[in-house]
Amino acid sequence: MNFQHLEYFNELAETQYMAQAAEKLGISQPTLSYAVKKLEEELGVPLFEREGRNIRLTVYGKTFKKYSEAGVQQIQEGRRLLTEMALGESGKLSIGVAEIVAHQFITDVIKEYRQTNPGYRVDFNLKRAVTSRLLEMLQAGDLDLAIVTTRPGEKIAGFDLVPVMQRKLELLLPAGHELARQRSVSLKQIESCPYLAFGEENAMAGIIADVFAKNGIHPQISSVTDDVRTLVDLVAIGEGVALLPKSKYHEAAGAIAVPVAEDTSYTISLASRGLGQETKVAQDMASFIISFCQGHGLTLA
């Protein structure tokens, strides 16, 4: 069915005057008559009937009018939305965030994105999970972008990784711990302390294991959790010590963060299946996240 013919029909149905409708549409009367005739042939029923020089809708035309108007309106709305999507001004965006990345980080990103682009109509679907699960969801097409933890210089087959933050681990100690007063602590000094660890599925577990192995450290693991908030709270009540990403977002009464003497660097990366294949809104958000991290000094450890 010709979309333009529907537009012509709607105008003629509204005015019920051939000359007036043709003038408004900017076409000749024969062109309008031909369009209506083709539409009637396609539908198999008469849409208009003549009364002298005037025309009026038949019962078929009255019934078809409401559907034709709704259809044209929906197609026009669809065109508008596609234009906005092509410009990156509208769409749906699914973003995964690694559990180790503080909750407030992504909300700060979205808040600033809204302030920077007040007219954009972008709906967010946010998922939190460990890095391995986020990469599975990204591969399956359930996510557009994912913020994941990686080892320095790490490459993962099938994904584009853009480093957005170079971070370091710091030692979290109960406030009353004897090491809490030091300017920095060597990992050797905590070997005999109860150690609170991340579960194996958490990417941080692998990163921390690498740090321990590189420095010949054998921690005395007492408890395991995948939840950062739980780990921080366990430290605060004196259950043990832990290595956590150095972050302004990880704070708790009763816990003290102390720098580690050894190199504990790791990377937080923005992962995609290939930004060149993503929608414009996903490409723009990726650029915004990178700029946000740079602008807020988060690229520095």
Protein backbone atom coordinates (compact mmCIF):
# COMPACT_ATOMS: atom_id res chain seq x y z
CA MET A 1 0.00 0.00 0.00
CA ASN A 2 1.41 3.35 -1.09
CA PHE A 3 2.06 5.58 1.94
CA GLN A 4 1.67 8.74 -0.13
CA HIS A 5 -1.73 7.57 -1.35
CA LEU A 6 -2.81 7.25 2.29
CA GLU A 7 -1.70 10.81 2.96
CA TYR A 8 -3.68 11.99 -0.06
CA PHE A 9 -6.74 10.06 1.08
CA ASN A 10 -6.56 11.54 4.58
CA GLU A 11 -6.46 15.10 3.25
CA LEU A 12 -9.34 14.52 0.85
CA ALA A 13 -11.34 12.77 3.57
CA GLU A 14 -10.81 15.79 5.82
CA THR A 15 -11.80 18.51 3.29
CA GLN A 16 -14.13 16.46 1.03
CA TYR A 17 -13.30 18.99 -1.70
CA MET A 18 -11.05 17.78 -4.51
CA ALA A 19 -9.70 21.22 -5.47
CA GLN A 20 -9.03 22.29 -1.87
CA ALA A 21 -7.31 18.98 -0.99
CA ALA A 22 -5.14 19.08 -4.12
CA GLU A 23 -4.09 22.67 -3.36
CA LYS A 24 -3.14 21.81 0.23
CA LEU A 25 -1.16 18.79 -0.94
CA GLY A 26 0.56 20.80 -3.68
CA ILE A 27 -0.51 18.40 -6.45
CA SER A 28 -2.90 18.48 -9.42
CA GLN A 29 -6.49 17.26 -9.16
CA PRO A 30 -5.89 14.48 -11.74
CA THR A 31 -2.95 13.23 -9.61
CA LEU A 32 -5.17 13.18 -6.52
CA SER A 33 -8.00 11.42 -8.41
CA TYR A 34 -5.57 8.79 -9.68
CA ALA A 35 -4.19 8.12 -6.18
CA VAL A 36 -7.70 7.68 -4.75
CA LYS A 37 -8.70 5.39 -7.63
CA LYS A 38 -5.60 3.17 -7.09
CA LEU A 39 -6.33 2.98 -3.35
CA GLU A 40 -9.96 2.00 -4.01
CA GLU A 41 -8.84 -0.66 -6.48
CA GLU A 42 -6.41 -2.07 -3.94
CA LEU A 43 -9.03 -2.14 -1.16
CA GLY A 44 -11.80 -3.37 -3.45
CA VAL A 45 -14.40 -0.87 -2.18
CA PRO A 46 -15.41 2.73 -3.03
CA LEU A 47 -14.12 5.27 -0.50
CA PHE A 48 -15.91 8.34 -1.88
CA GLU A 49 -19.17 9.08 -3.67
CA ARG A 50 -20.02 12.20 -5.64
CA GLU A 51 -22.86 14.62 -4.94
CA GLY A 52 -22.80 17.08 -7.81
CA ARG A 53 -19.50 18.94 -7.54
CA ASN A 54 -18.91 17.71 -4.02
CA ILE A 55 -17.74 14.34 -2.75
CA ARG A 56 -18.31 12.60 0.53
CA LEU A 57 -17.04 9.52 2.29
CA THR A 58 -18.85 6.25 1.81
CA VAL A 59 -19.47 3.98 4.78
CA TYR A 60 -16.28 2.18 3.73
CA GLY A 61 -14.39 5.46 3.57
CA LYS A 62 -15.56 6.49 7.05
CA THR A 63 -14.40 3.18 8.49
CA PHE A 64 -11.06 3.27 6.69
CA LYS A 65 -10.38 6.92 7.59
CA LYS A 66 -9.63 6.31 11.29
CA TYR A 67 -7.22 3.48 10.46
CA SER A 68 -5.53 5.41 7.68
CA GLU A 69 -5.02 8.44 9.91
CA ALA A 70 -3.65 6.29 12.74
CA GLY A 71 -1.37 4.43 10.34
CA VAL A 72 0.06 7.58 8.79
CA GLN A 73 0.58 9.09 12.23
CA GLN A 74 2.43 5.99 13.46
CA ILE A 75 4.64 5.86 10.39
CA GLN A 76 5.46 9.56 10.75
CA GLU A 77 6.29 8.97 14.43
CA GLY A 78 8.44 6.01 13.42
CA ARG A 79 10.29 8.17 10.91
CA ARG A 80 10.91 10.80 13.55
CA LEU A 81 12.21 8.24 16.05
CA LEU A 82 14.52 6.71 13.43
CA THR A 83 15.90 10.16 12.64
CA GLU A 84 16.53 10.77 16.36
CA MET A 85 18.16 7.34 16.69
CA ALA A 86 20.39 8.03 13.70
CA LEU A 87 21.46 11.28 15.37
CA GLY A 88 21.96 9.55 18.75
CA GLU A 89 19.15 11.57 20.36
CA SER A 90 16.77 8.71 21.10
CA GLY A 91 16.79 4.99 21.79
CA LYS A 92 17.23 2.28 24.39
CA LEU A 93 20.63 1.49 25.85
CA SER A 94 21.58 -1.56 27.91
CA ILE A 95 24.73 -1.08 29.97
CA GLY A 96 26.37 -3.65 32.21
CA VAL A 97 28.53 -2.58 35.14
CA ALA A 98 30.95 -4.86 36.97
CA GLU A 99 30.07 -5.45 40.61
CA ILE A 100 33.40 -4.02 41.71
CA VAL A 101 32.62 -0.65 40.10
CA ALA A 102 30.86 1.51 42.67
CA HIS A 103 27.09 1.93 42.27
CA GLN A 104 27.40 5.71 42.33
CA PHE A 105 29.72 5.76 39.31
CA ILE A 106 27.08 4.89 36.72
CA THR A 107 24.45 7.10 38.34
CA ASP A 108 26.90 10.01 38.22
CA VAL A 109 27.52 9.27 34.53
CA ILE A 110 23.79 9.23 33.72
CA LYS A 111 23.11 12.38 35.75
CA GLU A 112 25.77 14.32 33.84
CA TYR A 113 24.60 12.81 30.53
CA ARG A 114 21.07 14.09 31.17
CA GLN A 115 22.38 17.53 32.10
CA THR A 116 24.52 17.67 28.97
CA ASN A 117 21.76 16.39 26.64
CA PRO A 118 18.46 17.62 28.11
CA GLY A 119 16.49 17.06 24.91
CA TYR A 120 17.60 13.46 24.32
CA ARG A 121 15.11 10.64 24.89
CA VAL A 122 17.33 7.72 25.87
CA ASP A 123 16.05 4.97 28.16
CA PHE A 124 18.63 3.03 30.17
CA ASN A 125 18.56 -0.63 31.17
CA LEU A 126 21.31 -1.20 33.72
CA LYS A 127 22.68 -4.58 34.77
CA ARG A 128 25.22 -5.40 37.48
CA ALA A 129 27.17 -8.64 37.47
CA VAL A 130 30.68 -10.02 37.62
CA THR A 131 32.83 -9.34 34.54
CA SER A 132 32.58 -12.88 33.14
CA ARG A 133 28.78 -12.74 33.18
CA LEU A 134 28.71 -9.26 31.62
CA LEU A 135 30.86 -10.45 28.73
CA GLU A 136 28.49 -13.38 28.17
CA MET A 137 25.53 -10.97 28.07
CA LEU A 138 27.42 -8.64 25.73
CA GLN A 139 28.24 -11.52 23.37
CA ALA A 140 24.59 -12.63 23.37
CA GLY A 141 23.42 -9.14 22.44
CA ASP A 142 21.71 -8.53 25.78
CA LEU A 143 24.00 -5.55 26.45
CA ASP A 144 25.19 -2.72 24.23
CA LEU A 145 28.11 -1.72 26.45
CA ALA A 146 29.78 -3.12 29.56
CA ILE A 147 32.14 -1.60 32.10
CA VAL A 148 34.42 -4.44 33.16
CA THR A 149 37.62 -5.11 35.08
CA THR A 150 40.67 -6.31 33.15
CA ARG A 151 44.34 -6.93 33.71
CA PRO A 152 46.69 -4.21 32.37
CA GLY A 153 47.03 -4.65 28.59
CA GLU A 154 44.58 -7.56 28.52
CA LYS A 155 42.81 -8.38 25.24
CA ILE A 156 39.69 -10.55 25.07
CA ALA A 157 38.80 -12.22 21.76
CA GLY A 158 35.52 -11.01 20.26
CA PHE A 159 35.41 -7.72 22.15
CA ASP A 160 36.71 -4.21 21.77
CA LEU A 161 38.19 -3.01 25.07
CA VAL A 162 38.82 0.68 25.70
CA PRO A 163 40.63 1.38 28.99
CA VAL A 164 38.75 4.12 30.84
CA MET A 165 40.33 3.92 34.29
CA GLN A 166 43.75 2.82 35.47
CA ARG A 167 43.27 1.91 39.10
CA LYS A 168 45.22 0.54 42.05
CA LEU A 169 44.20 -1.67 44.91
CA GLU A 170 44.45 -0.42 48.47
CA LEU A 171 44.36 -2.28 51.74
CA LEU A 172 41.20 -1.92 53.80
CA LEU A 173 41.76 -2.41 57.52
CA PRO A 174 39.58 -2.21 60.63
CA ALA A 175 40.00 1.26 62.13
CA GLY A 176 41.72 -0.14 65.24
CA HIS A 177 44.17 -2.37 63.39
CA GLU A 178 47.85 -1.84 64.19
CA LEU A 179 48.71 -1.32 60.51
CA ALA A 180 46.03 1.37 60.04
CA ARG A 181 48.43 4.03 61.33
CA GLN A 182 51.08 3.36 58.68
CA ARG A 183 51.53 5.55 55.60
CA SER A 184 51.71 2.41 53.46
CA VAL A 185 51.67 -1.34 54.05
CA SER A 186 53.59 -4.15 52.36
CA LEU A 187 51.56 -7.20 51.42
CA LYS A 188 54.04 -9.30 53.41
CA GLN A 189 52.72 -7.59 56.55
CA ILE A 190 49.18 -8.99 56.09
CA GLU A 191 50.13 -12.60 55.28
CA SER A 192 49.20 -13.73 58.78
CA CYS A 193 45.99 -11.64 58.98
CA PRO A 194 42.52 -13.10 58.31
CA TYR A 195 41.92 -12.18 54.66
CA LEU A 196 38.49 -11.44 53.12
CA ALA A 197 38.45 -12.53 49.48
CA PHE A 198 36.29 -12.20 46.38
CA GLY A 199 34.71 -15.33 44.91
CA GLU A 200 36.40 -16.98 41.92
CA GLU A 201 33.79 -15.76 39.44
CA ASN A 202 34.62 -12.14 40.27
CA ALA A 203 37.25 -10.72 37.90
CA MET A 204 38.89 -8.97 40.88
CA ALA A 205 39.71 -12.38 42.35
CA GLY A 206 41.96 -13.09 39.37
CA ILE A 207 43.53 -9.65 39.45
CA ILE A 208 44.28 -9.90 43.18
CA ALA A 209 45.56 -13.46 42.78
CA ASP A 210 48.02 -12.17 40.18
CA VAL A 211 49.22 -9.48 42.60
CA PHE A 212 49.72 -12.06 45.38
CA ALA A 213 51.50 -14.50 43.06
CA LYS A 214 53.82 -11.82 41.66
CA ASN A 215 54.86 -10.89 45.17
CA GLY A 216 54.99 -14.40 46.62
CA ILE A 217 52.14 -13.77 49.06
CA HIS A 218 49.99 -16.59 50.50
CA PRO A 219 46.97 -14.97 52.21
CA GLN A 220 45.06 -16.68 55.01
CA ILE A 221 41.55 -16.55 53.52
CA SER A 222 38.86 -16.51 56.20
CA SER A 223 35.72 -15.47 54.31
CA VAL A 224 34.61 -15.13 50.66
CA THR A 225 32.00 -12.82 49.11
CA ASP A 226 31.21 -11.35 45.70
CA ASP A 227 29.51 -8.29 47.18
CA VAL A 228 31.75 -5.24 47.66
CA ARG A 229 29.49 -3.61 50.24
CA THR A 230 29.45 -6.80 52.33
CA LEU A 231 33.21 -7.05 52.15
CA VAL A 232 33.64 -3.43 53.32
CA ASP A 233 31.21 -3.96 56.19
CA LEU A 234 33.01 -7.16 57.27
CA VAL A 235 36.28 -5.25 57.45
CA ALA A 236 34.58 -2.51 59.47
CA ILE A 237 33.45 -5.00 62.16
CA GLY A 238 36.93 -6.49 62.41
CA GLU A 239 36.44 -9.76 60.52
CA GLY A 240 39.66 -9.33 58.57
CA VAL A 241 41.49 -7.23 55.98
CA ALA A 242 40.88 -6.95 52.25
CA LEU A 243 42.27 -5.56 49.04
CA LEU A 244 39.85 -3.25 47.26
CA PRO A 245 40.02 -0.83 44.36
CA LYS A 246 41.19 2.60 45.41
CA SER A 247 38.03 4.66 45.03
CA LYS A 248 36.32 7.68 46.49
CA TYR A 249 33.13 5.59 46.42
CA HIS A 250 34.34 2.88 48.82
CA GLU A 251 33.94 4.40 52.26
CA ALA A 252 32.64 3.03 55.56
CA ALA A 253 32.78 4.02 59.22
CA GLY A 254 35.12 1.70 61.08
CA ALA A 255 37.32 0.91 58.06
CA ILE A 256 40.58 2.59 57.08
CA ALA A 257 42.12 2.47 53.59
CA VAL A 258 45.93 2.38 53.43
CA PRO A 259 48.11 2.45 50.27
CA VAL A 260 49.94 -0.74 49.32
CA ALA A 261 53.69 -0.56 48.80
CA GLU A 262 53.72 -3.06 45.91
CA ASP A 263 52.37 -2.42 42.39
CA THR A 264 48.67 -3.36 42.38
CA SER A 265 47.58 -1.75 39.09
CA TYR A 266 44.59 -2.97 37.12
CA THR A 267 42.28 -1.56 34.45
CA ILE A 268 38.59 -0.80 34.15
CA SER A 269 37.61 -1.01 30.49
CA LEU A 270 34.60 -0.18 28.36
CA ALA A 271 33.70 -3.32 26.42
CA SER A 272 31.63 -3.67 23.25
CA ARG A 273 31.21 -6.10 20.38
CA GLY A 274 32.66 -3.37 18.15
CA LEU A 275 31.55 0.26 18.40
CA GLY A 276 31.41 0.57 14.63
CA GLN A 277 28.57 -1.97 14.65
CA GLU A 278 26.63 -0.32 17.50
CA THR A 279 23.81 2.21 17.25
CA LYS A 280 24.65 5.91 17.24
CA VAL A 281 23.30 6.29 20.78
CA ALA A 282 25.63 3.51 21.99
CA GLN A 283 28.59 5.08 20.19
CA ASP A 284 27.83 8.47 21.71
CA MET A 285 27.42 7.02 25.20
CA ALA A 286 30.74 5.22 24.89
CA SER A 287 32.42 8.51 24.01
CA PHE A 288 30.62 10.22 26.88
CA ILE A 289 31.78 7.63 29.44
CA ILE A 290 35.38 8.00 28.27
CA SER A 291 35.16 11.80 28.48
CA PHE A 292 33.47 11.58 31.90
CA CYS A 293 36.32 9.50 33.30
CA GLN A 294 38.91 11.86 31.87
CA GLY A 295 37.08 14.97 33.03
CA HIS A 296 36.69 13.69 36.60
CA GLY A 297 40.25 12.47 36.97
CA LEU A 298 39.16 8.82 37.14
CA THR A 299 41.72 7.76 34.54
CA LEU A 300 44.42 8.24 37.15
CA ALA A 301 45.14 5.60 39.75
